[in-house]
Amino acid sequence: MPNTYTLNVNGQNYTVTVNNPAMPLLWVIRDLIGLTGTKYGCGMNTCGACTVLVNNVAMRSCITEVQSVAGDTIVTIEGLSPNSTHPAQLAWINFQVPQCGYCQSGQIMSCASAMLAGNHGANIAAQMHNVCICGTYPRITQAVDTL
């Protein structure tokens, strides 16, 4: 039997209907809502490419069940800033962090979460647990250290 949920994503309410209440939030965001900045990486809570903010806390959307976030505030990379002026986005641009760029929306969302929690500078770098296959960690660390 289909289940209907109202999700607040990037400040806008979306009503979504899913057959399985355990459907990963990642697929709801990408396939039902149509926001493709959040990426699928591993699907196992390992890489972090799918990181979004739920109530200002970084969460891996590939393992977060849609039923568990109904009524919560969800922010994707598209909603972090309307014009790419969030401090983390500006730092990424300034230090030319991405190579392939695939993991970077998740990297930025993890960084933004740490900032919202009041952890700035090197503390954020120590908290980041996302994987970057290109190995841009030195530039990520430089960008984070400026925040």
Protein backbone atom coordinates (compact mmCIF):
# COMPACT_ATOMS: atom_id res chain seq x y z
CA MET A 1 0.00 0.00 0.00
CA PRO A 2 1.48 3.41 -0.94
CA ASN A 3 2.58 5.80 1.80
CA THR A 4 2.43 9.58 1.45
CA TYR A 5 4.85 11.90 3.25
CA THR A 6 5.38 15.63 3.31
CA LEU A 7 9.04 16.58 3.21
CA ASN A 8 10.48 20.06 3.66
CA VAL A 9 13.42 20.17 1.26
CA ASN A 10 15.33 23.41 0.80
CA GLY A 11 12.49 25.37 2.38
CA GLN A 12 9.80 23.96 0.12
CA ASN A 13 7.23 21.33 1.05
CA TYR A 14 6.96 18.30 -1.22
CA THR A 15 4.33 15.60 -0.95
CA VAL A 16 5.75 12.28 -2.07
CA THR A 17 4.12 8.89 -2.40
CA VAL A 18 6.27 5.80 -2.06
CA ASN A 19 5.44 2.11 -2.06
CA ASN A 20 8.03 1.35 0.60
CA PRO A 21 8.36 3.62 3.67
CA ALA A 22 11.97 2.42 3.96
CA MET A 23 12.83 3.91 0.55
CA PRO A 24 16.16 5.77 0.89
CA LEU A 25 15.86 9.54 1.08
CA LEU A 26 18.47 9.76 -1.69
CA TRP A 27 16.09 8.28 -4.25
CA VAL A 28 13.21 10.43 -3.07
CA ILE A 29 15.36 13.56 -3.47
CA ARG A 30 16.73 12.56 -6.87
CA ASP A 31 13.90 10.61 -8.51
CA LEU A 32 10.72 12.00 -6.99
CA ILE A 33 11.68 15.60 -6.21
CA GLY A 34 14.17 15.97 -9.09
CA LEU A 35 17.16 17.47 -7.27
CA THR A 36 20.27 15.77 -8.62
CA GLY A 37 23.07 17.54 -6.73
CA THR A 38 23.03 14.82 -4.07
CA LYS A 39 24.97 11.90 -5.52
CA TYR A 40 24.79 8.14 -5.20
CA GLY A 41 28.18 6.71 -4.35
CA CYS A 42 28.30 3.46 -2.43
CA GLY A 43 24.78 3.01 -1.05
CA MET A 44 26.28 1.65 2.19
CA ASN A 45 26.94 4.71 4.38
CA THR A 46 30.62 4.67 3.53
CA CYS A 47 31.58 7.33 0.99
CA GLY A 48 29.42 10.35 1.90
CA ALA A 49 28.60 11.50 -1.65
CA CYS A 50 24.92 11.44 -0.64
CA THR A 51 25.28 13.67 2.43
CA VAL A 52 22.44 16.09 3.12
CA LEU A 53 21.50 18.10 6.19
CA VAL A 54 18.54 16.93 8.24
CA ASN A 55 17.72 19.46 10.95
CA ASN A 56 21.24 20.89 10.40
CA VAL A 57 22.95 17.53 10.99
CA ALA A 58 24.84 15.75 8.21
CA MET A 59 23.15 12.50 7.28
CA ARG A 60 23.85 9.92 4.62
CA SER A 61 20.71 9.93 2.48
CA CYS A 62 21.48 6.53 0.94
CA ILE A 63 20.59 4.79 4.22
CA THR A 64 18.10 7.29 5.67
CA GLU A 65 14.56 5.99 5.30
CA VAL A 66 12.07 8.52 3.97
CA GLN A 67 9.63 7.67 6.76
CA SER A 68 12.20 8.75 9.36
CA VAL A 69 12.54 12.33 8.05
CA ALA A 70 8.91 13.27 7.37
CA GLY A 71 8.37 16.62 9.04
CA ASP A 72 12.09 17.34 9.37
CA THR A 73 13.99 20.13 7.61
CA ILE A 74 16.16 18.73 4.80
CA VAL A 75 18.78 20.76 2.95
CA THR A 76 20.57 19.53 -0.16
CA ILE A 77 23.48 21.17 -1.94
CA GLU A 78 20.97 23.06 -4.08
CA GLY A 79 19.43 24.61 -0.97
CA LEU A 80 22.62 25.50 0.88
CA SER A 81 22.71 28.88 -0.84
CA PRO A 82 20.61 30.32 -3.66
CA ASN A 83 23.69 31.72 -5.41
CA SER A 84 26.65 29.61 -4.21
CA THR A 85 27.69 32.14 -1.57
CA HIS A 86 27.68 29.86 1.48
CA PRO A 87 31.14 30.16 3.10
CA ALA A 88 31.92 26.50 2.40
CA GLN A 89 31.00 26.88 -1.28
CA LEU A 90 33.16 30.01 -1.58
CA ALA A 91 36.09 28.24 0.08
CA TRP A 92 35.72 25.31 -2.36
CA ILE A 93 35.80 27.74 -5.27
CA ASN A 94 38.71 29.74 -3.86
CA PHE A 95 40.88 26.65 -3.37
CA GLN A 96 39.66 24.94 -6.56
CA VAL A 97 38.94 21.82 -4.53
CA PRO A 98 37.22 19.51 -7.05
CA GLN A 99 38.92 17.39 -9.64
CA CYS A 100 36.14 15.15 -10.90
CA GLY A 101 33.77 16.82 -8.43
CA TYR A 102 31.54 13.81 -7.88
CA CYS A 103 31.90 13.69 -4.10
CA GLN A 104 32.08 17.41 -3.54
CA SER A 105 28.43 18.15 -2.80
CA GLY A 106 28.62 15.60 0.01
CA GLN A 107 31.93 17.05 1.18
CA ILE A 108 30.47 20.55 1.31
CA MET A 109 27.33 19.39 3.12
CA SER A 110 29.46 17.65 5.77
CA CYS A 111 31.49 20.82 6.14
CA ALA A 112 28.35 22.97 6.37
CA SER A 113 26.94 20.70 9.07
CA ALA A 114 30.08 21.05 11.16
CA MET A 115 29.95 24.83 10.74
CA LEU A 116 26.32 24.94 11.86
CA ALA A 117 27.31 22.95 14.93
CA GLY A 118 29.86 25.65 15.76
CA ASN A 119 32.94 23.62 14.86
CA HIS A 120 35.21 25.78 12.73
CA GLY A 121 38.65 25.44 11.16
CA ALA A 122 40.74 22.33 11.72
CA ASN A 123 38.02 20.79 13.91
CA ILE A 124 35.88 20.39 10.80
CA ALA A 125 38.65 18.65 8.87
CA ALA A 126 38.97 16.13 11.69
CA GLN A 127 35.23 15.43 11.56
CA MET A 128 34.95 14.88 7.84
CA HIS A 129 34.56 11.23 6.97
CA ASN A 130 33.74 11.43 3.28
CA VAL A 131 35.72 9.65 0.60
CA CYS A 132 37.32 11.45 -2.34
CA ILE A 133 38.66 9.04 -4.95
CA CYS A 134 40.65 11.85 -6.61
CA GLY A 135 42.47 12.54 -3.33
CA THR A 136 41.71 16.25 -3.06
CA TYR A 137 42.05 16.09 0.71
CA PRO A 138 44.87 18.68 0.89
CA ARG A 139 42.69 21.24 -0.92
CA ILE A 140 39.64 20.24 1.14
CA THR A 141 41.68 20.78 4.31
CA GLN A 142 42.91 24.16 3.05
CA ALA A 143 39.36 25.24 2.25
CA VAL A 144 38.02 24.05 5.59
CA ASP A 145 40.81 25.72 7.53
CA THR A 146 39.72 29.12 6.18
CA LEU A 147 36.22 28.81 7.60
